[in-house]
N, C-alpha and C. Protein backbone atom coordinates (compact mmCIF):
# COMPACT_ATOMS: atom_id res chain seq x y z
N MET A 1 -24.96 -37.83 180.87
CA MET A 1 -26.29 -38.15 180.37
C MET A 1 -26.06 -39.10 179.10
N LYS A 2 -27.04 -39.95 178.89
CA LYS A 2 -27.00 -40.70 177.88
C LYS A 2 -27.17 -40.02 176.52
N ALA A 3 -26.34 -40.21 175.44
CA ALA A 3 -26.40 -39.64 174.30
C ALA A 3 -27.66 -40.03 173.45
N LEU A 4 -28.10 -39.02 172.52
CA LEU A 4 -29.18 -39.41 171.79
C LEU A 4 -28.77 -40.10 170.58
N LYS A 5 -29.59 -40.65 169.90
CA LYS A 5 -29.14 -41.45 168.69
C LYS A 5 -28.86 -40.44 167.48
N LEU A 6 -28.06 -40.85 166.53
CA LEU A 6 -27.78 -39.88 165.52
C LEU A 6 -28.82 -39.69 164.57
N ASN A 7 -28.88 -38.43 164.02
CA ASN A 7 -29.81 -38.09 162.97
C ASN A 7 -31.16 -38.25 163.19
N VAL A 8 -31.63 -37.90 164.61
CA VAL A 8 -32.95 -37.90 164.90
C VAL A 8 -33.66 -36.76 164.27
N ARG A 9 -34.98 -36.97 163.95
CA ARG A 9 -35.74 -36.01 163.36
C ARG A 9 -36.93 -35.56 164.20
N ILE A 10 -36.89 -34.30 164.46
CA ILE A 10 -37.99 -33.72 165.43
C ILE A 10 -38.66 -32.55 164.86
N VAL A 11 -40.10 -32.62 165.13
CA VAL A 11 -40.82 -31.39 164.81
C VAL A 11 -41.18 -30.70 166.18
N VAL A 12 -40.99 -29.40 166.14
CA VAL A 12 -41.23 -28.62 167.47
C VAL A 12 -42.48 -27.62 167.00
N ALA A 13 -43.63 -28.03 167.73
CA ALA A 13 -44.88 -27.22 167.30
C ALA A 13 -45.37 -26.47 168.55
N ASP A 14 -45.15 -25.04 168.34
CA ASP A 14 -45.56 -24.15 169.27
C ASP A 14 -45.82 -22.87 168.59
N ASP A 15 -46.90 -22.14 169.04
CA ASP A 15 -47.19 -20.70 168.32
C ASP A 15 -46.43 -19.65 168.88
N HIS A 16 -45.38 -19.96 169.85
CA HIS A 16 -44.60 -18.81 170.37
C HIS A 16 -43.09 -19.08 169.78
N GLY A 17 -42.65 -18.20 169.07
CA GLY A 17 -41.31 -18.36 168.49
C GLY A 17 -40.20 -18.51 169.52
N ILE A 18 -40.29 -17.80 170.59
CA ILE A 18 -39.36 -17.85 171.66
C ILE A 18 -39.26 -19.20 172.21
N VAL A 19 -40.45 -19.89 172.38
CA VAL A 19 -40.46 -21.34 172.95
C VAL A 19 -39.77 -22.30 171.93
N ARG A 20 -40.14 -22.15 170.65
CA ARG A 20 -39.51 -22.91 169.58
C ARG A 20 -37.89 -22.75 169.70
N MET A 21 -37.39 -21.55 169.86
CA MET A 21 -36.07 -21.22 169.73
C MET A 21 -35.47 -21.96 170.96
N GLY A 22 -36.05 -21.92 172.13
CA GLY A 22 -35.44 -22.48 173.31
C GLY A 22 -35.40 -23.91 173.33
N LEU A 23 -36.35 -24.62 172.65
CA LEU A 23 -36.45 -26.00 172.49
C LEU A 23 -35.39 -26.49 171.56
N ILE A 24 -35.38 -25.74 170.45
CA ILE A 24 -34.35 -26.17 169.31
C ILE A 24 -32.93 -26.01 169.94
N GLN A 25 -32.70 -25.03 170.68
CA GLN A 25 -31.27 -24.85 171.23
C GLN A 25 -30.99 -26.00 172.24
N THR A 26 -31.98 -26.33 173.09
CA THR A 26 -31.68 -27.52 173.91
C THR A 26 -31.36 -28.71 173.16
N VAL A 27 -32.33 -28.99 172.11
CA VAL A 27 -32.08 -30.27 171.33
C VAL A 27 -30.76 -30.20 170.77
N LYS A 28 -30.35 -29.17 170.13
CA LYS A 28 -29.01 -29.10 169.35
C LYS A 28 -27.83 -29.13 170.29
N ARG A 29 -28.14 -28.79 171.61
CA ARG A 29 -27.01 -28.99 172.54
C ARG A 29 -26.83 -30.47 172.84
N LEU A 30 -28.00 -31.28 172.96
CA LEU A 30 -27.90 -32.68 173.12
C LEU A 30 -27.47 -33.49 171.97
N LYS A 31 -27.85 -33.07 170.67
CA LYS A 31 -27.65 -33.75 169.53
C LYS A 31 -27.55 -32.79 168.37
N PRO A 32 -26.36 -32.33 168.15
CA PRO A 32 -26.01 -31.38 167.08
C PRO A 32 -26.52 -31.66 165.78
N GLU A 33 -26.46 -32.99 165.38
CA GLU A 33 -26.88 -33.56 164.14
C GLU A 33 -28.30 -33.63 163.92
N ALA A 34 -29.21 -33.36 164.91
CA ALA A 34 -30.63 -33.56 164.74
C ALA A 34 -31.23 -32.69 163.52
N VAL A 35 -32.15 -33.28 162.97
CA VAL A 35 -32.86 -32.46 161.91
C VAL A 35 -34.09 -32.04 162.66
N ILE A 36 -34.37 -30.66 162.75
CA ILE A 36 -35.46 -30.11 163.33
C ILE A 36 -36.29 -29.33 162.39
N PHE A 37 -37.69 -29.62 162.53
CA PHE A 37 -38.69 -28.74 161.83
C PHE A 37 -39.38 -28.00 162.77
N GLU A 38 -39.80 -26.73 162.49
CA GLU A 38 -40.57 -26.05 163.55
C GLU A 38 -41.87 -25.42 162.73
N VAL A 39 -43.03 -25.43 163.47
CA VAL A 39 -44.26 -25.11 163.06
C VAL A 39 -45.06 -24.34 164.09
N GLU A 40 -45.95 -23.44 163.68
CA GLU A 40 -46.61 -22.59 164.70
C GLU A 40 -48.14 -22.78 164.96
N ASP A 41 -48.61 -23.91 164.17
CA ASP A 41 -50.02 -24.22 164.33
C ASP A 41 -50.21 -25.73 163.89
N TYR A 42 -51.49 -26.17 164.06
CA TYR A 42 -51.62 -27.57 163.88
C TYR A 42 -51.68 -27.88 162.34
N LYS A 43 -52.13 -26.92 161.65
CA LYS A 43 -52.21 -27.24 160.12
C LYS A 43 -50.93 -27.42 159.53
N SER A 44 -49.94 -26.58 160.01
CA SER A 44 -48.59 -26.71 159.55
C SER A 44 -47.95 -28.09 160.06
N LEU A 45 -48.37 -28.46 161.31
CA LEU A 45 -47.83 -29.60 161.79
C LEU A 45 -48.24 -30.87 161.02
N TYR A 46 -49.55 -30.91 160.62
CA TYR A 46 -50.03 -32.05 159.70
C TYR A 46 -49.20 -32.09 158.46
N LYS A 47 -48.91 -30.92 157.87
CA LYS A 47 -48.12 -31.00 156.60
C LYS A 47 -46.81 -31.61 156.78
N VAL A 48 -46.13 -31.34 157.90
CA VAL A 48 -44.82 -31.97 158.18
C VAL A 48 -44.93 -33.42 158.45
N ILE A 49 -45.97 -33.73 159.19
CA ILE A 49 -46.24 -35.16 159.43
C ILE A 49 -46.43 -36.02 158.18
N LEU A 50 -47.11 -35.43 157.22
CA LEU A 50 -47.41 -36.06 155.88
C LEU A 50 -46.18 -36.22 155.01
N ASN A 51 -45.29 -35.33 155.13
CA ASN A 51 -44.13 -35.13 154.24
C ASN A 51 -42.80 -35.58 154.81
N GLU A 52 -42.67 -35.82 156.12
CA GLU A 52 -41.44 -36.09 156.71
C GLU A 52 -41.51 -37.27 157.66
N GLU A 53 -40.48 -38.20 157.64
CA GLU A 53 -40.48 -39.27 158.59
C GLU A 53 -39.81 -38.80 159.89
N LEU A 54 -40.58 -38.82 160.94
CA LEU A 54 -40.10 -38.19 162.24
C LEU A 54 -39.91 -39.19 163.29
N ASP A 55 -39.04 -38.74 164.35
CA ASP A 55 -38.78 -39.59 165.50
C ASP A 55 -39.66 -39.10 166.65
N LEU A 56 -39.81 -37.71 166.71
CA LEU A 56 -40.36 -37.09 167.80
C LEU A 56 -41.11 -35.84 167.49
N ALA A 57 -42.31 -35.74 168.08
CA ALA A 57 -43.12 -34.46 167.89
C ALA A 57 -43.21 -33.93 169.37
N ILE A 58 -42.71 -32.66 169.53
CA ILE A 58 -42.97 -31.85 170.73
C ILE A 58 -43.99 -30.77 170.48
N MET A 59 -45.09 -30.93 171.07
CA MET A 59 -46.26 -30.09 170.74
C MET A 59 -46.85 -29.32 172.00
N ASP A 60 -47.14 -27.99 171.78
CA ASP A 60 -47.92 -27.23 172.64
C ASP A 60 -49.25 -27.70 172.45
N VAL A 61 -50.31 -27.16 173.40
CA VAL A 61 -51.56 -27.59 173.39
C VAL A 61 -52.47 -26.52 172.71
N ASN A 62 -52.38 -25.31 173.10
CA ASN A 62 -53.17 -24.20 172.61
C ASN A 62 -52.56 -23.49 171.39
N MET A 63 -52.76 -24.11 170.28
CA MET A 63 -52.32 -23.61 168.98
C MET A 63 -53.50 -23.44 168.06
N PRO A 64 -53.27 -22.49 167.07
CA PRO A 64 -54.47 -22.31 166.10
C PRO A 64 -54.59 -23.51 165.22
N ASN A 65 -55.80 -23.62 164.58
CA ASN A 65 -56.13 -24.56 163.50
C ASN A 65 -56.17 -25.93 163.99
N GLY A 66 -56.84 -26.11 165.11
CA GLY A 66 -56.97 -27.61 165.46
C GLY A 66 -56.76 -27.77 166.92
N THR A 67 -57.02 -28.97 167.44
CA THR A 67 -56.83 -29.30 168.92
C THR A 67 -55.84 -30.33 169.15
N VAL A 68 -55.45 -30.59 170.34
CA VAL A 68 -54.53 -31.44 170.62
C VAL A 68 -54.88 -33.01 170.41
N GLN A 69 -56.10 -33.20 170.65
CA GLN A 69 -56.71 -34.64 170.51
C GLN A 69 -56.84 -34.88 169.09
N GLU A 70 -57.14 -33.84 168.14
CA GLU A 70 -57.05 -34.12 166.76
C GLU A 70 -55.71 -34.43 166.29
N ALA A 71 -54.74 -33.64 166.81
CA ALA A 71 -53.45 -33.87 166.39
C ALA A 71 -52.80 -35.27 166.79
N ILE A 72 -53.13 -35.64 167.97
CA ILE A 72 -52.71 -36.98 168.42
C ILE A 72 -53.27 -37.99 167.51
N ASP A 73 -54.51 -37.92 167.27
CA ASP A 73 -55.32 -38.89 166.44
C ASP A 73 -54.73 -38.95 164.97
N TYR A 74 -54.34 -37.72 164.48
CA TYR A 74 -53.76 -37.57 163.09
C TYR A 74 -52.47 -38.37 163.07
N ILE A 75 -51.63 -38.11 164.16
CA ILE A 75 -50.29 -38.78 164.16
C ILE A 75 -50.43 -40.31 164.20
N LYS A 76 -51.38 -40.74 165.02
CA LYS A 76 -51.56 -42.18 165.19
C LYS A 76 -51.92 -42.85 163.88
N ILE A 77 -52.65 -42.01 163.06
CA ILE A 77 -53.09 -42.54 161.71
C ILE A 77 -51.94 -42.61 160.77
N HIS A 78 -51.23 -41.48 160.65
CA HIS A 78 -50.22 -41.20 159.52
C HIS A 78 -48.90 -41.59 159.98
N GLN A 79 -48.41 -41.46 161.22
CA GLN A 79 -47.25 -41.96 161.71
C GLN A 79 -47.34 -42.68 163.08
N PRO A 80 -47.75 -43.87 163.08
CA PRO A 80 -48.16 -44.48 164.41
C PRO A 80 -46.99 -44.70 165.42
N ASP A 81 -45.72 -44.76 164.77
CA ASP A 81 -44.50 -45.03 165.71
C ASP A 81 -43.99 -43.64 166.14
N LEU A 82 -44.53 -42.46 165.75
CA LEU A 82 -44.00 -41.28 166.08
C LEU A 82 -44.19 -40.91 167.52
N LYS A 83 -43.16 -40.64 168.34
CA LYS A 83 -43.31 -40.42 169.78
C LYS A 83 -43.82 -38.93 169.86
N ILE A 84 -44.68 -38.82 170.86
CA ILE A 84 -45.41 -37.54 171.12
C ILE A 84 -45.06 -37.01 172.50
N LEU A 85 -44.53 -35.74 172.63
CA LEU A 85 -44.23 -35.09 173.93
C LEU A 85 -45.14 -33.87 173.98
N ILE A 86 -46.02 -33.82 175.03
CA ILE A 86 -46.78 -32.54 175.12
C ILE A 86 -45.95 -31.63 175.89
N PHE A 87 -45.70 -30.43 175.55
CA PHE A 87 -44.90 -29.33 176.22
C PHE A 87 -45.77 -28.25 176.48
N SER A 88 -46.25 -28.07 177.73
CA SER A 88 -47.30 -27.07 177.97
C SER A 88 -47.13 -26.34 179.26
N SER A 89 -47.66 -25.19 179.35
CA SER A 89 -47.57 -24.41 180.71
C SER A 89 -48.69 -24.75 181.58
N GLN A 90 -49.70 -25.64 181.14
CA GLN A 90 -50.70 -26.05 181.95
C GLN A 90 -50.19 -26.86 183.17
N ASP A 91 -51.02 -26.83 184.32
CA ASP A 91 -50.72 -27.43 185.49
C ASP A 91 -50.55 -28.97 185.16
N GLU A 92 -49.42 -29.58 185.56
CA GLU A 92 -49.18 -31.06 185.09
C GLU A 92 -49.96 -31.93 185.98
N GLU A 93 -50.40 -31.54 187.15
CA GLU A 93 -51.16 -32.47 188.01
C GLU A 93 -52.62 -32.46 187.50
N LEU A 94 -52.94 -31.46 187.00
CA LEU A 94 -54.44 -31.32 186.41
C LEU A 94 -54.52 -31.93 185.07
N TYR A 95 -53.40 -31.65 184.29
CA TYR A 95 -53.55 -32.17 182.85
C TYR A 95 -52.66 -33.28 182.39
N GLY A 96 -51.60 -33.44 183.02
CA GLY A 96 -50.63 -34.53 182.57
C GLY A 96 -51.11 -35.82 182.15
N MET A 97 -51.82 -36.36 183.20
CA MET A 97 -52.34 -37.74 182.99
C MET A 97 -53.48 -37.65 181.94
N ARG A 98 -54.16 -36.72 181.77
CA ARG A 98 -55.18 -36.65 180.71
C ARG A 98 -54.65 -36.71 179.34
N TYR A 99 -53.43 -36.12 179.09
CA TYR A 99 -52.83 -36.09 177.83
C TYR A 99 -52.19 -37.31 177.48
N LEU A 100 -51.67 -38.11 178.61
CA LEU A 100 -51.19 -39.47 178.43
C LEU A 100 -52.31 -40.34 178.04
N LYS A 101 -53.40 -40.18 178.51
CA LYS A 101 -54.60 -41.06 178.20
C LYS A 101 -55.10 -40.79 176.81
N MET A 102 -54.81 -39.51 176.33
CA MET A 102 -55.25 -39.20 174.92
C MET A 102 -54.35 -39.97 173.96
N GLY A 103 -53.16 -40.34 174.43
CA GLY A 103 -52.29 -41.09 173.40
C GLY A 103 -50.84 -40.55 173.34
N ALA A 104 -50.62 -39.45 174.11
CA ALA A 104 -49.21 -38.79 174.16
C ALA A 104 -48.22 -39.85 174.89
N GLY A 105 -46.96 -39.78 174.52
CA GLY A 105 -46.15 -40.54 175.27
C GLY A 105 -45.48 -39.91 176.49
N GLY A 106 -45.71 -38.51 176.56
CA GLY A 106 -45.05 -37.79 177.69
C GLY A 106 -45.61 -36.43 177.93
N TYR A 107 -45.57 -35.93 178.96
CA TYR A 107 -46.05 -34.56 179.31
C TYR A 107 -44.94 -33.89 180.14
N LEU A 108 -44.57 -32.70 179.51
CA LEU A 108 -43.48 -31.85 180.08
C LEU A 108 -44.04 -30.34 180.35
N SER A 109 -43.81 -29.94 181.53
CA SER A 109 -44.16 -28.54 181.91
C SER A 109 -43.14 -27.56 181.32
N LYS A 110 -43.67 -26.38 180.79
CA LYS A 110 -42.91 -25.35 180.29
C LYS A 110 -41.98 -24.75 181.49
N GLN A 111 -42.52 -25.02 182.71
CA GLN A 111 -41.68 -24.38 183.97
C GLN A 111 -40.61 -25.35 184.31
N SER A 112 -40.36 -26.32 183.67
CA SER A 112 -39.30 -27.29 183.97
C SER A 112 -37.90 -26.57 183.77
N SER A 113 -37.05 -27.09 184.52
CA SER A 113 -35.65 -26.66 184.29
C SER A 113 -34.96 -27.30 183.16
N THR A 114 -33.84 -26.76 182.60
CA THR A 114 -33.11 -27.18 181.51
C THR A 114 -32.77 -28.60 181.76
N GLU A 115 -32.35 -29.02 182.91
CA GLU A 115 -31.91 -30.32 183.15
C GLU A 115 -33.11 -31.33 182.95
N VAL A 116 -34.16 -30.98 183.51
CA VAL A 116 -35.33 -31.82 183.39
C VAL A 116 -35.85 -31.91 181.91
N ILE A 117 -35.87 -30.87 181.18
CA ILE A 117 -36.16 -30.79 179.68
C ILE A 117 -35.22 -31.86 178.99
N GLU A 118 -34.00 -31.74 179.28
CA GLU A 118 -33.00 -32.67 178.69
C GLU A 118 -33.26 -34.09 179.01
N THR A 119 -33.66 -34.43 180.30
CA THR A 119 -33.86 -35.71 180.73
C THR A 119 -35.20 -36.29 179.94
N ALA A 120 -36.18 -35.30 179.85
CA ALA A 120 -37.45 -35.71 179.20
C ALA A 120 -37.17 -36.08 177.70
N LEU A 121 -36.34 -35.24 177.04
CA LEU A 121 -36.16 -35.36 175.54
C LEU A 121 -35.27 -36.73 175.38
N THR A 122 -34.31 -37.05 176.29
CA THR A 122 -33.66 -38.29 176.18
C THR A 122 -34.59 -39.41 176.41
N ALA A 123 -35.34 -39.43 177.44
CA ALA A 123 -36.30 -40.54 177.67
C ALA A 123 -37.17 -40.71 176.47
N MET A 124 -37.70 -39.50 175.84
CA MET A 124 -38.71 -39.73 174.73
C MET A 124 -37.96 -40.45 173.64
N LEU A 125 -36.86 -39.95 173.30
CA LEU A 125 -36.09 -40.49 172.05
C LEU A 125 -35.66 -41.92 172.25
N SER A 126 -35.41 -42.35 173.51
CA SER A 126 -34.97 -43.71 173.67
C SER A 126 -36.12 -44.73 173.96
N THR A 127 -37.19 -44.27 174.71
CA THR A 127 -38.26 -45.25 175.08
C THR A 127 -39.57 -44.77 174.69
N GLY A 128 -39.70 -43.44 174.21
CA GLY A 128 -40.99 -42.92 173.79
C GLY A 128 -41.97 -42.59 175.03
N ARG A 129 -41.34 -42.56 176.26
CA ARG A 129 -42.19 -42.35 177.41
C ARG A 129 -41.48 -41.36 178.21
N TYR A 130 -42.23 -40.49 178.99
CA TYR A 130 -41.64 -39.47 180.01
C TYR A 130 -42.88 -39.02 180.86
N ALA A 131 -42.69 -39.16 182.15
CA ALA A 131 -43.64 -38.44 183.14
C ALA A 131 -42.86 -37.96 184.36
N SER A 132 -43.20 -36.87 184.84
CA SER A 132 -42.52 -36.22 186.03
C SER A 132 -42.95 -37.20 187.21
N ASN A 133 -42.35 -36.94 188.36
CA ASN A 133 -42.64 -37.63 189.52
C ASN A 133 -44.01 -37.41 189.88
N ASP A 134 -44.57 -36.11 189.81
CA ASP A 134 -45.93 -35.76 190.22
C ASP A 134 -46.86 -36.55 189.35
N VAL A 135 -46.72 -36.76 188.00
CA VAL A 135 -47.58 -37.29 187.12
C VAL A 135 -47.50 -38.81 187.49
N LYS A 136 -46.31 -39.42 187.66
CA LYS A 136 -46.24 -40.82 188.02
C LYS A 136 -47.06 -41.06 189.27
N GLU A 137 -46.90 -40.26 190.36
CA GLU A 137 -47.69 -40.45 191.54
C GLU A 137 -49.18 -40.50 191.22
N ALA A 138 -49.72 -39.47 190.46
CA ALA A 138 -51.09 -39.51 190.12
C ALA A 138 -51.58 -40.66 189.37
N ILE A 139 -50.69 -41.21 188.49
CA ILE A 139 -51.02 -42.54 187.73
C ILE A 139 -51.07 -43.65 188.79
N PHE A 140 -50.09 -43.74 189.73
CA PHE A 140 -50.10 -44.77 190.71
C PHE A 140 -51.31 -44.75 191.70
N LEU A 141 -51.72 -43.51 192.16
CA LEU A 141 -52.89 -43.41 193.00
C LEU A 141 -53.98 -43.83 192.22
N GLU A 142 -54.29 -43.51 191.06
CA GLU A 142 -55.37 -43.82 190.21
C GLU A 142 -55.42 -45.36 189.98
N SER A 143 -54.34 -45.91 189.77
CA SER A 143 -54.29 -47.34 189.49
C SER A 143 -54.59 -48.23 190.71
N ILE A 144 -54.47 -47.74 191.95
CA ILE A 144 -54.78 -48.57 193.17
C ILE A 144 -56.18 -48.18 193.66
N ASN A 145 -56.53 -47.03 193.70
CA ASN A 145 -57.81 -46.71 194.31
C ASN A 145 -58.55 -45.58 193.65
N GLY A 146 -58.24 -45.32 192.41
CA GLY A 146 -58.78 -44.28 191.62
C GLY A 146 -58.26 -42.97 192.06
N SER A 147 -58.78 -41.80 191.58
CA SER A 147 -58.27 -40.51 192.00
C SER A 147 -58.54 -40.16 193.40
N THR A 148 -57.47 -39.87 194.19
CA THR A 148 -57.68 -39.58 195.65
C THR A 148 -57.82 -38.09 195.94
N LYS A 149 -57.77 -37.35 194.82
CA LYS A 149 -57.95 -35.96 195.01
C LYS A 149 -59.01 -35.42 194.21
N LYS A 150 -59.82 -34.38 194.76
CA LYS A 150 -60.79 -33.86 193.80
C LYS A 150 -60.00 -32.83 192.89
N THR A 151 -60.37 -32.88 191.59
CA THR A 151 -59.75 -32.13 190.70
C THR A 151 -60.09 -30.55 190.91
N ALA A 152 -59.37 -29.68 190.45
CA ALA A 152 -59.70 -28.30 190.60
C ALA A 152 -61.08 -28.07 190.07
N LEU A 153 -61.36 -28.57 188.93
CA LEU A 153 -62.71 -28.36 188.32
C LEU A 153 -63.89 -28.88 189.27
N GLU A 154 -63.63 -30.10 189.66
CA GLU A 154 -64.74 -30.70 190.58
C GLU A 154 -64.87 -29.88 191.82
N SER A 155 -63.81 -29.05 192.27
CA SER A 155 -63.93 -28.23 193.43
C SER A 155 -64.66 -26.98 193.32
N LEU A 156 -65.06 -26.60 192.06
CA LEU A 156 -65.95 -25.47 191.83
C LEU A 156 -67.27 -25.61 192.32
N SER A 157 -67.89 -24.36 192.78
CA SER A 157 -69.21 -24.34 193.24
C SER A 157 -70.14 -24.46 191.93
N ASP A 158 -71.36 -24.71 192.23
CA ASP A 158 -72.42 -24.76 191.07
C ASP A 158 -72.30 -23.46 190.33
N ARG A 159 -72.30 -22.45 191.04
CA ARG A 159 -72.40 -21.01 190.48
C ARG A 159 -71.06 -20.77 189.57
N GLU A 160 -69.93 -21.19 190.33
CA GLU A 160 -68.67 -21.06 189.46
C GLU A 160 -68.66 -21.90 188.25
N LEU A 161 -69.21 -23.09 188.34
CA LEU A 161 -69.12 -24.00 187.07
C LEU A 161 -70.12 -23.40 186.09
N GLN A 162 -71.26 -22.93 186.49
CA GLN A 162 -72.18 -22.27 185.64
C GLN A 162 -71.46 -21.10 184.89
N ILE A 163 -70.86 -20.35 185.41
CA ILE A 163 -70.19 -19.13 184.93
C ILE A 163 -69.01 -19.60 183.90
N ALA A 164 -68.24 -20.55 184.44
CA ALA A 164 -67.21 -21.20 183.64
C ALA A 164 -67.73 -21.64 182.23
N ASN A 165 -68.84 -22.40 182.35
CA ASN A 165 -69.46 -22.87 181.00
C ASN A 165 -69.96 -21.58 180.12
N LYS A 166 -70.52 -20.69 180.75
CA LYS A 166 -71.02 -19.59 179.92
C LYS A 166 -69.82 -18.78 179.31
N LEU A 167 -68.72 -18.53 180.11
CA LEU A 167 -67.53 -17.85 179.65
C LEU A 167 -66.83 -18.79 178.50
N ALA A 168 -66.93 -20.02 178.54
CA ALA A 168 -66.41 -20.81 177.51
C ALA A 168 -67.24 -20.78 176.32
N GLU A 169 -68.38 -20.47 176.34
CA GLU A 169 -69.41 -20.35 175.27
C GLU A 169 -69.06 -18.96 174.49
N GLY A 170 -68.35 -18.06 175.09
CA GLY A 170 -67.93 -16.77 174.52
C GLY A 170 -68.77 -15.67 174.93
N ILE A 171 -69.70 -15.87 175.97
CA ILE A 171 -70.68 -14.93 176.36
C ILE A 171 -69.87 -13.71 177.17
N PRO A 172 -70.07 -12.35 176.63
CA PRO A 172 -69.26 -11.36 177.41
C PRO A 172 -69.85 -11.22 178.84
N LEU A 173 -68.95 -10.64 179.64
CA LEU A 173 -69.23 -10.33 181.14
C LEU A 173 -70.52 -9.66 181.27
N LYS A 174 -70.76 -8.53 180.51
CA LYS A 174 -71.84 -7.67 180.53
C LYS A 174 -73.23 -8.49 180.25
N GLU A 175 -73.24 -9.30 179.19
CA GLU A 175 -74.27 -10.19 178.89
C GLU A 175 -74.44 -11.06 180.02
N LEU A 176 -73.39 -11.67 180.43
CA LEU A 176 -73.54 -12.74 181.48
C LEU A 176 -74.13 -12.19 182.75
N SER A 177 -73.68 -11.01 183.08
CA SER A 177 -74.28 -10.36 184.36
C SER A 177 -75.62 -10.24 184.27
N ASN A 178 -76.14 -9.69 183.12
CA ASN A 178 -77.61 -9.50 182.85
C ASN A 178 -78.30 -10.87 183.05
N HIS A 179 -77.77 -11.77 182.48
CA HIS A 179 -78.51 -13.16 182.32
C HIS A 179 -78.55 -13.69 183.75
N LEU A 180 -77.54 -13.53 184.61
CA LEU A 180 -77.53 -14.12 185.81
C LEU A 180 -78.10 -13.17 187.00
N ASN A 181 -78.43 -11.92 186.60
CA ASN A 181 -78.80 -10.91 187.56
C ASN A 181 -77.79 -10.71 188.63
N LEU A 182 -76.58 -10.56 188.11
CA LEU A 182 -75.49 -10.13 188.97
C LEU A 182 -74.79 -8.93 188.57
N HIS A 183 -74.24 -8.25 189.41
CA HIS A 183 -73.38 -6.96 189.08
C HIS A 183 -72.28 -7.47 188.11
N GLN A 184 -71.81 -6.69 187.18
CA GLN A 184 -70.71 -7.12 186.28
C GLN A 184 -69.47 -7.28 187.19
N SER A 185 -69.33 -6.45 188.19
CA SER A 185 -68.06 -6.61 189.07
C SER A 185 -67.99 -7.95 189.80
N THR A 186 -69.23 -8.56 190.05
CA THR A 186 -69.36 -9.74 190.76
C THR A 186 -68.93 -10.87 189.77
N VAL A 187 -69.48 -10.89 188.61
CA VAL A 187 -69.11 -11.87 187.61
C VAL A 187 -67.65 -11.71 187.30
N SER A 188 -67.05 -10.74 187.26
CA SER A 188 -65.64 -10.42 187.08
C SER A 188 -64.85 -11.06 188.14
N THR A 189 -65.29 -11.00 189.34
CA THR A 189 -64.69 -11.53 190.53
C THR A 189 -64.78 -13.06 190.46
N TYR A 190 -65.86 -13.70 190.08
CA TYR A 190 -66.05 -15.01 189.83
C TYR A 190 -65.07 -15.56 188.75
N LYS A 191 -64.87 -14.77 187.67
CA LYS A 191 -64.02 -15.19 186.65
C LYS A 191 -62.53 -15.18 187.19
N ASN A 192 -62.03 -14.34 187.84
CA ASN A 192 -60.79 -14.27 188.47
C ASN A 192 -60.54 -15.38 189.33
N ARG A 193 -61.64 -15.75 190.12
CA ARG A 193 -61.49 -16.82 191.13
C ARG A 193 -61.41 -18.27 190.36
N LEU A 194 -62.10 -18.31 189.30
CA LEU A 194 -62.00 -19.41 188.43
C LEU A 194 -60.62 -19.70 187.82
N PHE A 195 -59.99 -18.63 187.30
CA PHE A 195 -58.78 -18.65 186.80
C PHE A 195 -57.76 -19.04 187.76
N GLU A 196 -57.91 -18.46 189.01
CA GLU A 196 -57.06 -18.79 190.02
C GLU A 196 -57.09 -20.33 190.52
N LYS A 197 -58.33 -20.77 190.67
CA LYS A 197 -58.54 -22.13 191.10
C LYS A 197 -57.97 -23.17 190.01
N LEU A 198 -58.22 -22.89 188.79
CA LEU A 198 -57.88 -23.78 187.67
C LEU A 198 -56.44 -23.55 187.17
N LYS A 199 -55.76 -22.45 187.66
CA LYS A 199 -54.43 -22.15 187.42
C LYS A 199 -54.30 -21.95 185.80
N ILE A 200 -55.14 -21.04 185.34
CA ILE A 200 -55.20 -20.65 183.80
C ILE A 200 -55.21 -19.20 183.65
N ARG A 201 -54.89 -18.79 182.48
CA ARG A 201 -54.78 -17.28 182.33
C ARG A 201 -55.62 -16.85 181.22
N SER A 202 -56.37 -17.70 180.54
CA SER A 202 -57.18 -17.27 179.22
C SER A 202 -58.39 -18.13 179.10
N ILE A 203 -59.39 -17.73 178.37
CA ILE A 203 -60.51 -18.27 178.02
C ILE A 203 -60.28 -19.53 177.25
N PRO A 204 -59.39 -19.48 176.22
CA PRO A 204 -58.93 -20.69 175.48
C PRO A 204 -58.55 -21.89 176.38
N GLU A 205 -57.81 -21.56 177.50
CA GLU A 205 -57.36 -22.48 178.37
C GLU A 205 -58.61 -23.15 179.21
N LEU A 206 -59.59 -22.24 179.50
CA LEU A 206 -60.84 -22.64 180.26
C LEU A 206 -61.62 -23.66 179.31
N VAL A 207 -61.70 -23.18 177.97
CA VAL A 207 -62.45 -24.07 177.11
C VAL A 207 -61.77 -25.35 177.00
N GLU A 208 -60.54 -25.47 177.00
CA GLU A 208 -59.77 -26.82 176.84
C GLU A 208 -59.89 -27.62 178.09
N ILE A 209 -60.00 -27.02 179.28
CA ILE A 209 -60.12 -27.84 180.45
C ILE A 209 -61.57 -28.34 180.52
N LEU A 210 -62.63 -27.55 180.23
CA LEU A 210 -63.95 -28.00 180.18
C LEU A 210 -64.02 -29.23 179.18
N ARG A 211 -63.43 -29.09 178.07
CA ARG A 211 -63.49 -29.99 176.96
C ARG A 211 -62.80 -31.37 177.38
N LEU A 212 -61.64 -31.21 178.11
CA LEU A 212 -60.94 -32.44 178.47
C LEU A 212 -61.85 -33.20 179.57
N TYR A 213 -62.50 -32.42 180.37
CA TYR A 213 -63.22 -33.19 181.60
C TYR A 213 -64.61 -33.57 181.07
N ASN A 214 -64.99 -33.23 179.97
CA ASN A 214 -66.30 -33.60 179.48
C ASN A 214 -66.11 -34.70 178.34
N HIS A 215 -64.82 -34.96 178.23
CA HIS A 215 -64.30 -35.92 177.09
C HIS A 215 -64.87 -37.36 177.36
């Protein structure tokens, strides 16, 4: 594998310590001399960007004190040459191209193998670009005839989409069931179905996907 350049400076931004540890170990194995900063939220990321000259930012999406779009915009203003790699557990077919359109240079799934992670890091540091084969195929399909697949969000029924929006607004299941004149167990079933279709596990992820597709 192609060696990374000397003395690269990388910030790893993720609110889970175990994820930061794994990434740092992978980077250090590729480039022992790399200078690495780690942060657990967007506010801390902004401080590092202001105070340090960096080569690569590896960012999770769902972190406290900000949003990924705000972070990308902030980087473009303060360090326009800084390479940005989104490292997320979100479904890459659903999200990958969206984050690239926002201005990130690459999208990498947290389910990727160590070999794929190393390939992505090498590509980002050398070219500032990385996309998996699935994301490349989605970009190609869109470039020739637009999206040929309905997104998971677009596949939701009107009722499912209604409930998704209400859940994203923070309305509790009991209140939502009263509002829709449905049993709470029925609303709960809708919620579980939504999470399964969208391949998400939390309300913050639901909020993010709705925000992305209304962007």
